[in-house]
Amino acid sequence: MEQMAGFARIAAEGAAAHGPEEALYAITRAIPALLGDPSAALRPNAFRESPPPAIGAAAVAFMVTADRQHHMITAPVNFAPEQYHELVDIKLGHPGEVAKTRQPMLLRDTALHASFVKILQSFRAGSSMFAPILWQGEYLGVLICANAARNSFGEADLIAHRGFAALAASLWVAHDGPAWMAAQDLTNLPRRSVGT
């Protein structure tokens, strides 16, 4: 019930926003607290980094650029400031896999996935979820939620995350996100083609 109340509040906030990125922030600011198991951080060997990072969770929308060559880091929460509007190669990492397959992904423990690359620079994710943001079959981007602790997310979290991605698509289109993206000057934005 808490997630449903949260969903209703976020949808209303997003609808009242004054632009597409602000609307996405209504989602990305909220989902790290709504999704995942807080007790995961208390388990032995919960973190991939030692000592555990000061920041424990993050969320972001990777929105596809007008030329469809990159994801733009949009509405980032707990990302390094220099990553704001960073252009990430559309084929890089698991966001790139979601762009290709248009399927959601749940990585309970990122250490078990050899293909996992670190794009988020504020901490190394131990658990991550990815859901495509689709509108009438068109790929708009991917909603990502990450936690520093392994095994933070499960199937129920992914179901809710997919609902938030559908809301993100509606808000993005309602606030004319594609036109906003097309108007962005990408010339001087930071770019990332490899992970760490």
Protein backbone atom coordinates (compact mmCIF):
# COMPACT_ATOMS: atom_id res chain seq x y z
CA MET A 1 0.00 0.00 0.00
CA GLU A 2 2.91 2.35 0.73
CA GLN A 3 4.16 1.95 -2.85
CA MET A 4 0.70 2.73 -4.24
CA ALA A 5 0.41 5.87 -2.11
CA GLY A 6 3.90 6.83 -3.24
CA PHE A 7 2.98 6.17 -6.87
CA ALA A 8 -0.10 8.43 -6.59
CA ARG A 9 1.93 11.25 -4.99
CA ILE A 10 4.70 10.96 -7.61
CA ALA A 11 2.22 10.92 -10.50
CA ALA A 12 0.56 14.09 -9.18
CA GLU A 13 3.95 15.79 -8.67
CA GLY A 14 5.04 14.83 -12.17
CA ALA A 15 1.81 16.11 -13.70
CA ALA A 16 2.26 19.47 -11.94
CA ALA A 17 5.91 19.83 -13.03
CA HIS A 18 7.05 22.70 -15.27
CA GLY A 19 9.02 20.66 -17.78
CA PRO A 20 10.03 17.14 -18.76
CA GLU A 21 13.16 16.80 -16.66
CA GLU A 22 11.44 18.22 -13.59
CA ALA A 23 8.66 15.66 -14.14
CA LEU A 24 11.22 12.84 -14.22
CA TYR A 25 12.79 14.14 -11.01
CA ALA A 26 9.45 13.44 -9.29
CA ILE A 27 10.20 9.76 -9.96
CA THR A 28 13.98 9.60 -9.54
CA ARG A 29 13.94 11.48 -6.21
CA ALA A 30 11.41 9.03 -4.76
CA ILE A 31 12.19 5.52 -5.97
CA PRO A 32 15.43 4.90 -4.03
CA ALA A 33 13.44 5.18 -0.78
CA LEU A 34 10.39 3.26 -2.06
CA LEU A 35 12.11 0.27 -3.68
CA GLY A 36 14.46 -2.33 -2.28
CA ASP A 37 15.14 -4.09 1.01
CA PRO A 38 16.79 -1.75 3.56
CA SER A 39 18.04 -4.75 5.55
CA ALA A 40 20.27 -5.80 2.61
CA ALA A 41 22.86 -3.29 3.86
CA LEU A 42 23.09 -5.14 7.19
CA ARG A 43 24.10 -8.51 5.70
CA PRO A 44 27.73 -9.69 5.73
CA ASN A 45 29.68 -8.68 2.60
CA ALA A 46 26.79 -6.46 1.52
CA PHE A 47 28.99 -3.95 -0.27
CA ARG A 48 31.41 -4.18 -3.18
CA GLU A 49 33.49 -1.35 -1.73
CA SER A 50 35.26 -1.13 1.60
CA PRO A 51 34.49 0.94 3.56
CA PRO A 52 30.84 1.12 2.48
CA PRO A 53 30.05 4.24 0.42
CA ALA A 54 28.51 7.28 2.08
CA ILE A 55 25.84 7.34 -0.64
CA GLY A 56 23.76 4.17 -0.66
CA ALA A 57 21.26 4.55 -3.49
CA ALA A 58 20.76 6.38 -6.77
CA ALA A 59 18.23 6.75 -9.55
CA VAL A 60 18.24 8.28 -13.01
CA ALA A 61 16.55 8.32 -16.39
CA PHE A 62 18.87 7.64 -19.33
CA MET A 63 16.93 9.39 -22.10
CA VAL A 64 17.80 8.76 -25.73
CA THR A 65 19.15 11.75 -27.65
CA ALA A 66 17.52 12.94 -30.86
CA ASP A 67 20.29 11.35 -32.95
CA ARG A 68 19.77 8.04 -31.07
CA GLN A 69 23.53 7.70 -30.51
CA HIS A 70 23.55 8.36 -26.77
CA HIS A 71 21.63 8.21 -23.55
CA MET A 72 21.62 11.56 -21.77
CA ILE A 73 21.84 11.35 -17.98
CA THR A 74 18.57 13.06 -17.05
CA ALA A 75 17.07 13.78 -13.61
CA PRO A 76 20.00 12.13 -11.78
CA VAL A 77 19.78 11.55 -8.03
CA ASN A 78 23.02 10.85 -6.14
CA PHE A 79 25.16 10.98 -9.26
CA ALA A 80 28.42 12.94 -9.28
CA PRO A 81 27.65 16.57 -10.27
CA GLU A 82 29.94 16.37 -13.31
CA GLN A 83 27.74 13.58 -14.71
CA TYR A 84 24.70 15.84 -15.07
CA HIS A 85 23.60 15.59 -18.73
CA GLU A 86 26.59 13.38 -19.53
CA LEU A 87 26.14 11.60 -22.86
CA VAL A 88 26.58 7.85 -22.51
CA ASP A 89 27.13 5.73 -25.61
CA ILE A 90 23.78 4.06 -26.31
CA LYS A 91 25.46 0.64 -26.52
CA LEU A 92 27.33 0.88 -23.20
CA GLY A 93 26.61 -1.56 -20.38
CA HIS A 94 23.25 -2.77 -19.22
CA PRO A 95 21.46 0.44 -20.25
CA GLY A 96 22.72 -0.34 -23.76
CA GLU A 97 21.32 -3.87 -23.48
CA VAL A 98 17.93 -2.47 -22.48
CA ALA A 99 18.06 -0.05 -25.44
CA LYS A 100 18.66 -3.02 -27.73
CA THR A 101 16.17 -5.51 -26.26
CA ARG A 102 13.58 -3.17 -24.75
CA GLN A 103 13.35 -5.63 -21.85
CA PRO A 104 13.68 -4.89 -18.12
CA MET A 105 16.64 -6.26 -16.19
CA LEU A 106 17.22 -7.09 -12.55
CA LEU A 107 20.79 -7.52 -11.28
CA ARG A 108 20.43 -8.74 -7.72
CA ASP A 109 24.23 -8.84 -7.32
CA THR A 110 26.17 -6.91 -9.94
CA ALA A 111 29.36 -8.83 -9.03
CA LEU A 112 27.82 -11.93 -10.61
CA HIS A 113 27.53 -10.21 -14.00
CA ALA A 114 30.84 -10.03 -15.85
CA SER A 115 29.32 -7.59 -18.33
CA PHE A 116 28.46 -5.04 -15.60
CA VAL A 117 30.32 -1.75 -16.07
CA LYS A 118 30.38 1.17 -13.67
CA ILE A 119 28.77 4.25 -15.21
CA LEU A 120 27.54 5.81 -11.96
CA GLN A 121 30.64 7.42 -10.43
CA SER A 122 29.44 8.16 -6.87
CA PHE A 123 29.56 4.49 -5.76
CA ARG A 124 29.79 0.97 -7.18
CA ALA A 125 26.30 -0.51 -7.38
CA GLY A 126 25.79 -3.85 -5.68
CA SER A 127 22.23 -4.27 -7.00
CA SER A 128 20.52 -2.54 -9.95
CA MET A 129 17.24 -2.45 -11.87
CA PHE A 130 16.61 -1.25 -15.41
CA ALA A 131 13.24 -0.72 -17.11
CA PRO A 132 12.69 0.59 -20.63
CA ILE A 133 10.75 3.82 -21.00
CA LEU A 134 8.47 3.12 -23.97
CA TRP A 135 5.74 5.18 -25.63
CA GLN A 136 3.55 3.47 -28.25
CA GLY A 137 6.39 1.06 -28.98
CA GLU A 138 9.03 3.78 -29.32
CA TYR A 139 12.09 3.54 -27.09
CA LEU A 140 12.57 6.80 -25.15
CA GLY A 141 15.12 5.68 -22.57
CA VAL A 142 15.66 3.55 -19.50
CA LEU A 143 14.79 4.15 -15.84
CA ILE A 144 17.54 2.96 -13.49
CA CYS A 145 17.58 2.43 -9.75
CA ALA A 146 20.78 1.29 -8.03
CA ASN A 147 21.74 0.40 -4.48
CA ALA A 148 25.22 -0.02 -3.06
CA ALA A 149 24.16 -3.16 -1.15
CA ARG A 150 23.99 -6.49 -2.94
CA ASN A 151 20.59 -8.22 -3.10
CA SER A 152 18.68 -5.03 -2.38
CA PHE A 153 16.17 -5.64 -5.17
CA GLY A 154 13.91 -8.57 -6.01
CA GLU A 155 11.13 -9.41 -8.46
CA ALA A 156 8.49 -7.36 -6.61
CA ASP A 157 10.74 -4.31 -6.81
CA LEU A 158 11.22 -4.83 -10.54
CA ILE A 159 7.45 -4.98 -11.07
CA ALA A 160 7.03 -1.64 -9.28
CA HIS A 161 10.03 -0.20 -11.13
CA ARG A 162 8.42 -1.10 -14.46
CA GLY A 163 5.30 0.80 -13.35
CA PHE A 164 7.42 3.86 -12.61
CA ALA A 165 9.04 3.54 -16.05
CA ALA A 166 5.58 3.56 -17.67
CA LEU A 167 4.73 6.67 -15.65
CA ALA A 168 8.03 8.23 -16.79
CA ALA A 169 7.04 7.64 -20.43
CA SER A 170 3.66 9.33 -19.93
CA LEU A 171 5.17 12.29 -18.11
CA TRP A 172 7.97 12.69 -20.67
CA VAL A 173 5.52 12.79 -23.57
CA ALA A 174 2.97 14.97 -21.74
CA HIS A 175 5.66 17.56 -21.00
CA ASP A 176 6.99 17.42 -24.58
CA GLY A 177 10.25 15.70 -23.62
CA PRO A 178 11.17 14.70 -27.19
CA ALA A 179 11.06 18.36 -28.31
CA TRP A 180 13.05 19.39 -25.21
CA MET A 181 15.68 16.77 -26.06
CA ALA A 182 15.82 17.83 -29.72
CA ALA A 183 16.48 21.43 -28.60
CA GLN A 184 19.48 20.46 -26.42
CA ASP A 185 22.91 21.56 -27.60
CA LEU A 186 25.00 18.41 -27.15
CA THR A 187 28.23 19.96 -28.41
CA ASN A 188 29.96 20.64 -25.10
CA LEU A 189 28.38 17.97 -22.90
CA PRO A 190 30.67 15.37 -21.28
CA ARG A 191 30.72 12.00 -23.03
CA ARG A 192 31.26 8.44 -21.81
CA SER A 193 31.94 5.52 -24.12
CA VAL A 194 33.49 3.10 -21.59
CA GLY A 195 32.69 2.09 -18.03
CA THR A 196 35.08 1.38 -15.19
